[in-house]
PDB file of N, CA and C in Angstrom:
ATOM      1  N   MET A   1      -4.190   4.885   6.509  1.00  0.00           N
ATOM      2  CA  MET A   1      -3.399   4.798   7.774  1.00  0.00           C
ATOM      3  C   MET A   1      -3.111   6.149   8.377  1.00  0.00           C
ATOM      4  N   VAL A   2      -3.210   6.002   9.828  1.00  0.00           N
ATOM      5  CA  VAL A   2      -3.225   7.447  10.079  1.00  0.00           C
ATOM      6  C   VAL A   2      -1.921   7.133  11.669  1.00  0.00           C
ATOM      7  N   TYR A   3      -1.022   8.073  11.273  1.00  0.00           N
ATOM      8  CA  TYR A   3       0.128   8.204  12.221  1.00  0.00           C
ATOM      9  C   TYR A   3      -0.134   8.985  13.168  1.00  0.00           C
ATOM     10  N   LYS A   4      -0.370   8.469  14.450  1.00  0.00           N
ATOM     11  CA  LYS A   4      -0.367   9.364  15.381  1.00  0.00           C
ATOM     12  C   LYS A   4       1.125   9.448  16.788  1.00  0.00           C
ATOM     13  N   TYR A   5       1.466  10.613  17.323  1.00  0.00           N
ATOM     14  CA  TYR A   5       2.375  10.555  18.190  1.00  0.00           C
ATOM     15  C   TYR A   5       1.905  10.853  19.178  1.00  0.00           C
ATOM     16  N   SER A   6       2.433   9.942  20.349  1.00  0.00           N
ATOM     17  CA  SER A   6       2.261  10.083  21.790  1.00  0.00           C
ATOM     18  C   SER A   6       3.365  10.055  22.737  1.00  0.00           C
ATOM     19  N   GLU A   7       3.082   9.996  23.968  1.00  0.00           N
ATOM     20  CA  GLU A   7       4.098   9.666  24.871  1.00  0.00           C
ATOM     21  C   GLU A   7       4.594   8.675  24.601  1.00  0.00           C
ATOM     22  N   ASN A   8       3.773   7.871  24.306  1.00  0.00           N
ATOM     23  CA  ASN A   8       4.281   6.158  24.398  1.00  0.00           C
ATOM     24  C   ASN A   8       4.830   5.746  23.175  1.00  0.00           C
ATOM     25  N   GLY A   9       4.845   6.860  22.106  1.00  0.00           N
ATOM     26  CA  GLY A   9       5.684   6.627  20.587  1.00  0.00           C
ATOM     27  C   GLY A   9       5.101   6.525  19.735  1.00  0.00           C
ATOM     28  N   LEU A  10       5.050   6.137  18.621  1.00  0.00           N
ATOM     29  CA  LEU A  10       4.569   6.077  17.193  1.00  0.00           C
ATOM     30  C   LEU A  10       3.555   5.247  17.287  1.00  0.00           C
ATOM     31  N   ARG A  11       2.674   5.693  16.921  1.00  0.00           N
ATOM     32  CA  ARG A  11       1.295   4.565  16.740  1.00  0.00           C
ATOM     33  C   ARG A  11       0.459   4.655  14.975  1.00  0.00           C
ATOM     34  N   ALA A  12       0.050   3.383  14.616  1.00  0.00           N
ATOM     35  CA  ALA A  12      -0.241   3.441  13.369  1.00  0.00           C
ATOM     36  C   ALA A  12      -1.729   3.148  13.691  1.00  0.00           C
ATOM     37  N   LEU A  13      -2.695   3.573  13.051  1.00  0.00           N
ATOM     38  CA  LEU A  13      -3.847   3.423  13.165  1.00  0.00           C
ATOM     39  C   LEU A  13      -4.479   3.088  11.835  1.00  0.00           C
ATOM     40  N   ARG A  14      -5.422   2.017  11.629  1.00  0.00           N
ATOM     41  CA  ARG A  14      -6.562   1.977  10.223  1.00  0.00           C
ATOM     42  C   ARG A  14      -7.251   2.733  10.605  1.00  0.00           C
ATOM     43  N   GLY A  15      -7.684   3.686   9.389  1.00  0.00           N
ATOM     44  CA  GLY A  15      -9.084   4.417   9.362  1.00  0.00           C
ATOM     45  C   GLY A  15      -9.822   3.847   8.529  1.00  0.00           C
ATOM     46  N   GLY A  16     -11.163   4.658   8.625  1.00  0.00           N
ATOM     47  CA  GLY A  16     -12.225   4.326   7.841  1.00  0.00           C
ATOM     48  C   GLY A  16     -12.000   4.668   6.468  1.00  0.00           C
ATOM     49  N   ALA A  17     -12.976   5.620   5.642  1.00  0.00           N
ATOM     50  CA  ALA A  17     -13.075   6.089   4.518  1.00  0.00           C
ATOM     51  C   ALA A  17     -12.739   7.276   4.161  1.00  0.00           C
ATOM     52  N   THR A  18     -12.354   7.791   6.089  1.00  0.00           N
ATOM     53  CA  THR A  18     -11.895   9.199   5.985  1.00  0.00           C
ATOM     54  C   THR A  18     -10.400   9.496   5.932  1.00  0.00           C
ATOM     55  N   GLY A  19      -9.965  10.380   5.783  1.00  0.00           N
ATOM     56  CA  GLY A  19      -8.248  10.384   5.474  1.00  0.00           C
ATOM     57  C   GLY A  19      -7.589   9.830   4.812  1.00  0.00           C
ATOM     58  N   PHE A  20      -8.085   9.052   3.635  1.00  0.00           N
ATOM     59  CA  PHE A  20      -7.547   8.764   2.333  1.00  0.00           C
ATOM     60  C   PHE A  20      -7.274   9.805   1.816  1.00  0.00           C
ATOM     61  N   SER A  21      -5.689   9.511   1.192  1.00  0.00           N
ATOM     62  CA  SER A  21      -5.547  10.559   0.382  1.00  0.00           C
ATOM     63  C   SER A  21      -4.799  10.279  -1.012  1.00  0.00           C
ATOM     64  N   ALA A  22      -4.894   8.898  -0.921  1.00  0.00           N
ATOM     65  CA  ALA A  22      -4.699   7.930  -2.388  1.00  0.00           C
ATOM     66  C   ALA A  22      -5.826   7.629  -3.106  1.00  0.00           C
ATOM     67  N   THR A  23      -6.023   7.833  -4.382  1.00  0.00           N
ATOM     68  CA  THR A  23      -7.292   7.893  -4.799  1.00  0.00           C
ATOM     69  C   THR A  23      -6.967   7.041  -6.230  1.00  0.00           C
ATOM     70  N   ALA A  24      -7.418   6.125  -7.124  1.00  0.00           N
ATOM     71  CA  ALA A  24      -7.359   5.581  -8.381  1.00  0.00           C
ATOM     72  C   ALA A  24      -8.494   5.296  -8.872  1.00  0.00           C
ATOM     73  N   PRO A  25      -8.346   5.333 -10.119  1.00  0.00           N
ATOM     74  CA  PRO A  25      -9.642   4.772 -11.146  1.00  0.00           C
ATOM     75  C   PRO A  25     -10.001   3.263 -11.001  1.00  0.00           C
ATOM     76  N   ALA A  26     -11.109   2.844 -10.633  1.00  0.00           N
ATOM     77  CA  ALA A  26     -11.023   1.298 -10.936  1.00  0.00           C
ATOM     78  C   ALA A  26     -11.130   1.198 -12.104  1.00  0.00           C
ATOM     79  N   GLY A  27     -11.347  -0.369 -12.549  1.00  0.00           N
ATOM     80  CA  GLY A  27     -11.691  -0.825 -13.735  1.00  0.00           C
ATOM     81  C   GLY A  27     -10.617  -1.065 -14.818  1.00  0.00           C
ATOM     82  N   ARG A  28      -9.585  -0.564 -14.465  1.00  0.00           N
ATOM     83  CA  ARG A  28      -8.519  -0.566 -15.354  1.00  0.00           C
ATOM     84  C   ARG A  28      -6.771  -0.828 -14.731  1.00  0.00           C
ATOM     85  N   PRO A  29      -6.148  -0.947 -15.293  1.00  0.00           N
ATOM     86  CA  PRO A  29      -4.727  -1.123 -14.760  1.00  0.00           C
ATOM     87  C   PRO A  29      -3.972  -0.382 -13.841  1.00  0.00           C
ATOM     88  N   LEU A  30      -3.575  -0.819 -12.451  1.00  0.00           N
ATOM     89  CA  LEU A  30      -2.964   0.339 -12.103  1.00  0.00           C
ATOM     90  C   LEU A  30      -1.536   0.458 -12.307  1.00  0.00           C
ATOM     91  N   ALA A  31      -1.014   1.988 -11.743  1.00  0.00           N
ATOM     92  CA  ALA A  31       0.410   2.414 -11.818  1.00  0.00           C
ATOM     93  C   ALA A  31       0.394   2.941 -10.821  1.00  0.00           C
ATOM     94  N   LEU A  32       0.796   2.928  -9.835  1.00  0.00           N
ATOM     95  CA  LEU A  32       1.253   2.996  -8.294  1.00  0.00           C
ATOM     96  C   LEU A  32       2.785   3.630  -8.102  1.00  0.00           C
ATOM     97  N   ALA A  33       3.058   5.180  -7.301  1.00  0.00           N
ATOM     98  CA  ALA A  33       4.212   5.268  -6.943  1.00  0.00           C
ATOM     99  C   ALA A  33       4.064   5.759  -5.801  1.00  0.00           C
ATOM    100  N   ILE A  34       4.456   5.431  -4.586  1.00  0.00           N
ATOM    101  CA  ILE A  34       4.205   5.679  -3.293  1.00  0.00           C
ATOM    102  C   ILE A  34       5.705   6.417  -2.840  1.00  0.00           C
ATOM    103  N   GLU A  35       5.897   7.406  -1.973  1.00  0.00           N
ATOM    104  CA  GLU A  35       6.774   7.390  -1.217  1.00  0.00           C
ATOM    105  C   GLU A  35       7.192   7.207   0.019  1.00  0.00           C
ATOM    106  N   VAL A  36       8.433   6.519  -0.011  1.00  0.00           N
ATOM    107  CA  VAL A  36       8.929   5.440   1.122  1.00  0.00           C
ATOM    108  C   VAL A  36      10.545   5.757   1.340  1.00  0.00           C
ATOM    109  N   PRO A  37      10.670   7.243   1.807  1.00  0.00           N
ATOM    110  CA  PRO A  37      11.997   7.211   2.100  1.00  0.00           C
ATOM    111  C   PRO A  37      12.830   6.748   2.811  1.00  0.00           C
ATOM    112  N   ASP A  38      11.759   6.408   3.965  1.00  0.00           N
ATOM    113  CA  ASP A  38      12.953   5.507   4.928  1.00  0.00           C
ATOM    114  C   ASP A  38      13.122   4.414   4.920  1.00  0.00           C
ATOM    115  N   ILE A  39      12.728   3.809   3.720  1.00  0.00           N
ATOM    116  CA  ILE A  39      12.942   2.104   3.570  1.00  0.00           C
ATOM    117  C   ILE A  39      13.800   2.065   2.601  1.00  0.00           C
ATOM    118  N   ALA A  40      14.945   1.070   2.718  1.00  0.00           N
ATOM    119  CA  ALA A  40      16.308   1.079   2.100  1.00  0.00           C
ATOM    120  C   ALA A  40      16.095   0.537   0.333  1.00  0.00           C
ATOM    121  N   PRO A  41      16.539   0.676  -0.393  1.00  0.00           N
ATOM    122  CA  PRO A  41      16.432   0.239  -1.847  1.00  0.00           C
ATOM    123  C   PRO A  41      16.361  -1.119  -1.613  1.00  0.00           C
ATOM    124  N   CYS A  42      15.203  -2.016  -2.395  1.00  0.00           N
ATOM    125  CA  CYS A  42      15.209  -2.865  -2.465  1.00  0.00           C
ATOM    126  C   CYS A  42      14.918  -3.518  -4.017  1.00  0.00           C
ATOM    127  N   GLY A  43      15.618  -4.487  -4.617  1.00  0.00           N
ATOM    128  CA  GLY A  43      15.213  -5.045  -6.160  1.00  0.00           C
ATOM    129  C   GLY A  43      14.041  -5.661  -5.991  1.00  0.00           C
ATOM    130  N   GLN A  44      13.724  -6.525  -5.697  1.00  0.00           N
ATOM    131  CA  GLN A  44      12.097  -6.783  -5.380  1.00  0.00           C
ATOM    132  C   GLN A  44      11.719  -7.185  -4.124  1.00  0.00           C
ATOM    133  N   CYS A  45      10.523  -6.185  -3.851  1.00  0.00           N
ATOM    134  CA  CYS A  45       9.742  -6.415  -2.597  1.00  0.00           C
ATOM    135  C   CYS A  45       8.142  -7.101  -2.944  1.00  0.00           C
ATOM    136  N   ARG A  46       7.808  -7.999  -1.877  1.00  0.00           N
ATOM    137  CA  ARG A  46       6.472  -8.345  -2.082  1.00  0.00           C
ATOM    138  C   ARG A  46       5.655  -7.385  -2.119  1.00  0.00           C
ATOM    139  N   VAL A  47       4.692  -7.439  -2.842  1.00  0.00           N
ATOM    140  CA  VAL A  47       3.378  -6.379  -2.383  1.00  0.00           C
ATOM    141  C   VAL A  47       2.482  -7.017  -2.492  1.00  0.00           C
ATOM    142  N   ASP A  48       0.993  -6.971  -1.582  1.00  0.00           N
ATOM    143  CA  ASP A  48       0.133  -7.248  -2.058  1.00  0.00           C
ATOM    144  C   ASP A  48      -1.392  -6.128  -1.398  1.00  0.00           C
ATOM    145  N   MET A  49      -2.083  -6.562  -2.520  1.00  0.00           N
ATOM    146  CA  MET A  49      -2.949  -5.415  -2.565  1.00  0.00           C
ATOM    147  C   MET A  49      -4.121  -6.472  -1.981  1.00  0.00           C
ATOM    148  N   VAL A  50      -5.092  -5.880  -0.498  1.00  0.00           N
ATOM    149  CA  VAL A  50      -6.036  -6.498   0.043  1.00  0.00           C
ATOM    150  C   VAL A  50      -7.188  -5.464   0.143  1.00  0.00           C
ATOM    151  N   ASN A  51      -8.737  -6.023   0.101  1.00  0.00           N
ATOM    152  CA  ASN A  51     -10.056  -5.633  -0.229  1.00  0.00           C
ATOM    153  C   ASN A  51     -10.270  -5.600   1.411  1.00  0.00           C
ATOM    154  N   GLU A  52     -11.305  -4.799   1.563  1.00  0.00           N
ATOM    155  CA  GLU A  52     -11.618  -4.366   2.999  1.00  0.00           C
ATOM    156  C   GLU A  52     -11.900  -5.765   3.761  1.00  0.00           C
ATOM    157  N   SER A  53     -12.135  -7.057   3.436  1.00  0.00           N
ATOM    158  CA  SER A  53     -12.630  -7.918   4.176  1.00  0.00           C
ATOM    159  C   SER A  53     -10.951  -9.116   4.206  1.00  0.00           C
ATOM    160  N   GLY A  54      -9.982  -8.168   3.902  1.00  0.00           N
ATOM    161  CA  GLY A  54      -8.818  -8.963   3.832  1.00  0.00           C
ATOM    162  C   GLY A  54      -8.180  -9.757   2.844  1.00  0.00           C
ATOM    163  N   ARG A  55      -9.324 -10.221   1.673  1.00  0.00           N
ATOM    164  CA  ARG A  55      -9.088 -11.008   0.827  1.00  0.00           C
ATOM    165  C   ARG A  55      -8.133 -10.506   0.102  1.00  0.00           C
ATOM    166  N   THR A  56      -7.009 -11.078  -0.430  1.00  0.00           N
ATOM    167  CA  THR A  56      -6.302 -10.988  -1.388  1.00  0.00           C
ATOM    168  C   THR A  56      -6.514 -10.494  -2.684  1.00  0.00           C
ATOM    169  N   ALA A  57      -6.559  -9.433  -3.402  1.00  0.00           N
ATOM    170  CA  ALA A  57      -7.224  -8.760  -4.799  1.00  0.00           C
ATOM    171  C   ALA A  57      -5.882  -8.789  -5.689  1.00  0.00           C
ATOM    172  N   TRP A  58      -4.780  -8.778  -5.637  1.00  0.00           N
ATOM    173  CA  TRP A  58      -3.461  -8.626  -6.095  1.00  0.00           C
ATOM    174  C   TRP A  58      -2.117  -8.659  -5.718  1.00  0.00           C
ATOM    175  N   SER A  59      -1.370  -9.930  -5.979  1.00  0.00           N
ATOM    176  CA  SER A  59       0.124  -9.655  -5.331  1.00  0.00           C
ATOM    177  C   SER A  59       0.999  -9.978  -6.373  1.00  0.00           C
ATOM    178  N   GLY A  60       2.266  -9.364  -6.160  1.00  0.00           N
ATOM    179  CA  GLY A  60       3.243  -9.088  -6.956  1.00  0.00           C
ATOM    180  C   GLY A  60       4.279  -8.598  -6.289  1.00  0.00           C
ATOM    181  N   LEU A  61       5.668  -8.363  -7.638  1.00  0.00           N
ATOM    182  CA  LEU A  61       6.613  -8.038  -6.810  1.00  0.00           C
ATOM    183  C   LEU A  61       7.161  -6.236  -7.108  1.00  0.00           C
ATOM    184  N   ALA A  62       7.637  -5.712  -6.760  1.00  0.00           N
ATOM    185  CA  ALA A  62       7.870  -4.393  -6.742  1.00  0.00           C
ATOM    186  C   ALA A  62       9.330  -3.784  -6.471  1.00  0.00           C
ATOM    187  N   ALA A  63       9.994  -2.580  -7.072  1.00  0.00           N
ATOM    188  CA  ALA A  63      11.040  -2.390  -6.636  1.00  0.00           C
ATOM    189  C   ALA A  63      10.923  -0.554  -5.783  1.00  0.00           C
ATOM    190  N   ILE A  64      11.726  -0.370  -4.828  1.00  0.00           N
ATOM    191  CA  ILE A  64      11.783   0.424  -4.331  1.00  0.00           C
ATOM    192  C   ILE A  64      13.093   1.292  -4.702  1.00  0.00           C
ATOM    193  N   THR A  65      13.519   2.401  -5.699  1.00  0.00           N
ATOM    194  CA  THR A  65      14.188   3.256  -6.125  1.00  0.00           C
ATOM    195  C   THR A  65      14.220   4.602  -5.851  1.00  0.00           C
ATOM    196  N   ASP A  66      15.116   5.068  -5.494  1.00  0.00           N
ATOM    197  CA  ASP A  66      15.151   6.967  -4.947  1.00  0.00           C
ATOM    198  C   ASP A  66      14.074   7.289  -4.167  1.00  0.00           C
ATOM    199  N   GLY A  67      13.764   6.374  -3.249  1.00  0.00           N
ATOM    200  CA  GLY A  67      12.932   6.501  -1.879  1.00  0.00           C
ATOM    201  C   GLY A  67      11.207   6.313  -2.461  1.00  0.00           C
ATOM    202  N   ARG A  68      11.098   5.585  -3.683  1.00  0.00           N
ATOM    203  CA  ARG A  68       9.975   5.253  -4.180  1.00  0.00           C
ATOM    204  C   ARG A  68       9.387   4.042  -4.393  1.00  0.00           C
ATOM    205  N   LEU A  69       8.393   3.532  -3.720  1.00  0.00           N
ATOM    206  CA  LEU A  69       7.963   2.505  -4.286  1.00  0.00           C
ATOM    207  C   LEU A  69       6.922   2.303  -5.483  1.00  0.00           C
ATOM    208  N   VAL A  70       7.495   1.747  -6.557  1.00  0.00           N
ATOM    209  CA  VAL A  70       6.965   1.800  -8.394  1.00  0.00           C
ATOM    210  C   VAL A  70       6.077   0.404  -7.675  1.00  0.00           C
ATOM    211  N   ILE A  71       4.592   0.771  -8.274  1.00  0.00           N
ATOM    212  CA  ILE A  71       4.119  -0.770  -8.594  1.00  0.00           C
ATOM    213  C   ILE A  71       3.647  -0.664 -10.003  1.00  0.00           C
ATOM    214  N   THR A  72       3.678  -2.131 -10.500  1.00  0.00           N
ATOM    215  CA  THR A  72       2.508  -2.109 -12.142  1.00  0.00           C
ATOM    216  C   THR A  72       1.772  -3.297 -11.551  1.00  0.00           C
ATOM    217  N   ALA A  73       0.119  -3.198 -11.242  1.00  0.00           N
ATOM    218  CA  ALA A  73      -0.310  -4.144 -11.247  1.00  0.00           C
ATOM    219  C   ALA A  73      -1.559  -4.415 -12.439  1.00  0.00           C
ATOM    220  N   PRO A  74      -1.189  -5.605 -13.397  1.00  0.00           N
ATOM    221  CA  PRO A  74      -2.288  -5.499 -14.206  1.00  0.00           C
ATOM    222  C   PRO A  74      -3.359  -6.297 -14.037  1.00  0.00           C
ATOM    223  N   VAL A  75      -3.947  -5.532 -13.600  1.00  0.00           N
ATOM    224  CA  VAL A  75      -5.387  -6.210 -13.244  1.00  0.00           C
ATOM    225  C   VAL A  75      -6.337  -5.285 -12.919  1.00  0.00           C
ATOM    226  N   GLU A  76      -7.575  -5.723 -13.295  1.00  0.00           N
ATOM    227  CA  GLU A  76      -8.575  -4.669 -13.144  1.00  0.00           C
ATOM    228  C   GLU A  76      -9.236  -4.894 -11.923  1.00  0.00           C
ATOM    229  N   LEU A  77      -9.192  -4.062 -10.968  1.00  0.00           N
ATOM    230  CA  LEU A  77     -10.028  -4.301  -9.364  1.00  0.00           C
ATOM    231  C   LEU A  77     -11.436  -3.365 -10.003  1.00  0.00           C
ATOM    232  N   SER A  78     -12.163  -3.788  -8.930  1.00  0.00           N
ATOM    233  CA  SER A  78     -13.635  -2.971  -9.018  1.00  0.00           C
ATOM    234  C   SER A  78     -13.363  -2.047  -8.089  1.00  0.00           C
ATOM    235  N   SER A  79     -14.726  -0.907  -7.978  1.00  0.00           N
ATOM    236  CA  SER A  79     -14.441  -0.216  -6.603  1.00  0.00           C
ATOM    237  C   SER A  79     -14.494  -0.234  -5.544  1.00  0.00           C
ATOM    238  N   GLY A  80     -13.827   0.490  -4.285  1.00  0.00           N
ATOM    239  CA  GLY A  80     -13.712   0.131  -2.710  1.00  0.00           C
ATOM    240  C   GLY A  80     -12.504   0.571  -2.371  1.00  0.00           C
ATOM    241  N   LEU A  81     -12.192  -0.100  -1.297  1.00  0.00           N
ATOM    242  CA  LEU A  81     -11.223   0.857  -0.206  1.00  0.00           C
ATOM    243  C   LEU A  81     -10.288  -0.721   0.014  1.00  0.00           C
ATOM    244  N   TYR A  82      -9.105  -0.823  -0.552  1.00  0.00           N
ATOM    245  CA  TYR A  82      -7.876  -1.692  -0.856  1.00  0.00           C
ATOM    246  C   TYR A  82      -7.088  -1.188   0.274  1.00  0.00           C
ATOM    247  N   TRP A  83      -6.233  -2.136   0.737  1.00  0.00           N
ATOM    248  CA  TRP A  83      -5.007  -2.185   1.237  1.00  0.00           C
ATOM    249  C   TRP A  83      -3.752  -2.391   0.886  1.00  0.00           C
ATOM    250  N   VAL A  84      -2.522  -1.661   0.707  1.00  0.00           N
ATOM    251  CA  VAL A  84      -1.404  -1.904   0.176  1.00  0.00           C
ATOM    252  C   VAL A  84      -0.675  -2.079   1.053  1.00  0.00           C
ATOM    253  N   ARG A  85       0.131  -3.661   0.651  1.00  0.00           N
ATOM    254  CA  ARG A  85       1.232  -4.086   1.607  1.00  0.00           C
ATOM    255  C   ARG A  85       2.325  -4.423   1.519  1.00  0.00           C
ATOM    256  N   LEU A  86       3.493  -3.857   1.852  1.00  0.00           N
ATOM    257  CA  LEU A  86       4.676  -3.610   1.059  1.00  0.00           C
ATOM    258  C   LEU A  86       5.752  -4.761   1.948  1.00  0.00           C
ATOM    259  N   TYR A  87       6.166  -5.921   1.713  1.00  0.00           N
ATOM    260  CA  TYR A  87       6.984  -6.871   2.366  1.00  0.00           C
ATOM    261  C   TYR A  87       8.059  -6.875   1.886  1.00  0.00           C
ATOM    262  N   THR A  88       9.447  -6.392   2.880  1.00  0.00           N
ATOM    263  CA  THR A  88      11.086  -5.976   2.552  1.00  0.00           C
ATOM    264  C   THR A  88      11.846  -7.349   2.891  1.00  0.00           C
ATOM    265  N   GLY A  89      11.128  -8.183   3.655  1.00  0.00           N
ATOM    266  CA  GLY A  89      11.337  -9.536   4.212  1.00  0.00           C
ATOM    267  C   GLY A  89      10.899  -9.796   5.343  1.00  0.00           C
ATOM    268  N   GLY A  90      10.411 -11.040   5.515  1.00  0.00           N
ATOM    269  CA  GLY A  90       9.714 -11.566   6.830  1.00  0.00           C
ATOM    270  C   GLY A  90       8.325 -11.703   6.646  1.00  0.00           C
ATOM    271  N   ALA A  91       7.350 -11.931   7.549  1.00  0.00           N
ATOM    272  CA  ALA A  91       5.968 -12.141   7.417  1.00  0.00           C
ATOM    273  C   ALA A  91       5.297 -11.257   7.715  1.00  0.00           C
ATOM    274  N   ASP A  92       6.113 -10.138   8.295  1.00  0.00           N
ATOM    275  CA  ASP A  92       5.054  -9.031   8.662  1.00  0.00           C
ATOM    276  C   ASP A  92       5.274  -7.670   7.411  1.00  0.00           C
ATOM    277  N   PRO A  93       4.138  -6.975   7.246  1.00  0.00           N
ATOM    278  CA  PRO A  93       4.436  -5.810   6.292  1.00  0.00           C
ATOM    279  C   PRO A  93       5.469  -4.809   6.791  1.00  0.00           C
ATOM    280  N   ALA A  94       6.177  -4.129   6.186  1.00  0.00           N
ATOM    281  CA  ALA A  94       7.129  -3.032   6.295  1.00  0.00           C
ATOM    282  C   ALA A  94       6.054  -1.984   6.420  1.00  0.00           C
ATOM    283  N   ARG A  95       4.956  -1.792   5.579  1.00  0.00           N
ATOM    284  CA  ARG A  95       4.520  -0.522   5.156  1.00  0.00           C
ATOM    285  C   ARG A  95       3.101  -1.123   5.013  1.00  0.00           C
ATOM    286  N   GLU A  96       2.082  -0.486   5.003  1.00  0.00           N
ATOM    287  CA  GLU A  96       0.627  -0.508   4.740  1.00  0.00           C
ATOM    288  C   GLU A  96       0.043   0.803   4.296  1.00  0.00           C
ATOM    289  N   PHE A  97      -0.379   0.910   2.932  1.00  0.00           N
ATOM    290  CA  PHE A  97      -1.195   2.024   2.656  1.00  0.00           C
ATOM    291  C   PHE A  97      -2.337   1.883   2.315  1.00  0.00           C
ATOM    292  N   GLY A  98      -3.197   3.090   2.450  1.00  0.00           N
ATOM    293  CA  GLY A  98      -4.684   2.778   1.909  1.00  0.00           C
ATOM    294  C   GLY A  98      -5.028   3.491   0.833  1.00  0.00           C
ATOM    295  N   LEU A  99      -6.069   2.987  -0.285  1.00  0.00           N
ATOM    296  CA  LEU A  99      -5.818   3.331  -1.264  1.00  0.00           C
ATOM    297  C   LEU A  99      -7.594   3.038  -1.769  1.00  0.00           C
ATOM    298  N   ARG A 100      -7.941   3.847  -2.257  1.00  0.00           N
ATOM    299  CA  ARG A 100      -9.436   3.715  -2.655  1.00  0.00           C
ATOM    300  C   ARG A 100      -9.635   4.221  -3.882  1.00  0.00           C
ATOM    301  N   LEU A 101     -10.635   2.959  -4.748  1.00  0.00           N
ATOM    302  CA  LEU A 101     -10.824   2.757  -6.072  1.00  0.00           C
ATOM    303  C   LEU A 101     -12.091   3.299  -6.395  1.00  0.00           C
ATOM    304  N   GLU A 102     -12.174   4.417  -7.169  1.00  0.00           N
ATOM    305  CA  GLU A 102     -13.387   5.132  -7.579  1.00  0.00           C
ATOM    306  C   GLU A 102     -13.853   4.920  -9.197  1.00  0.00           C
TER     307      GLU A 102
END
């Protein structure tokens, strides 16, 4: 996700393969810690990981503590581009992060 400021406000744009800063190994369980300092702590937030075509690859619960979203996904996902969607309430994600598994 690329954030751009303009005179009309903040816009969030999905990028392709370029601009990704998060990578992790494919084919083994994931343990992710993502900085989210502007989201209030929550005991249990829903997290969905979707593949490039939007199909859910994993869904589970995570906690936000000390400004970090900590995710433990006990699945072994194949190589590719994924989107990690954080839901703190409601139907729309509060945040979406790009993740490349290699």
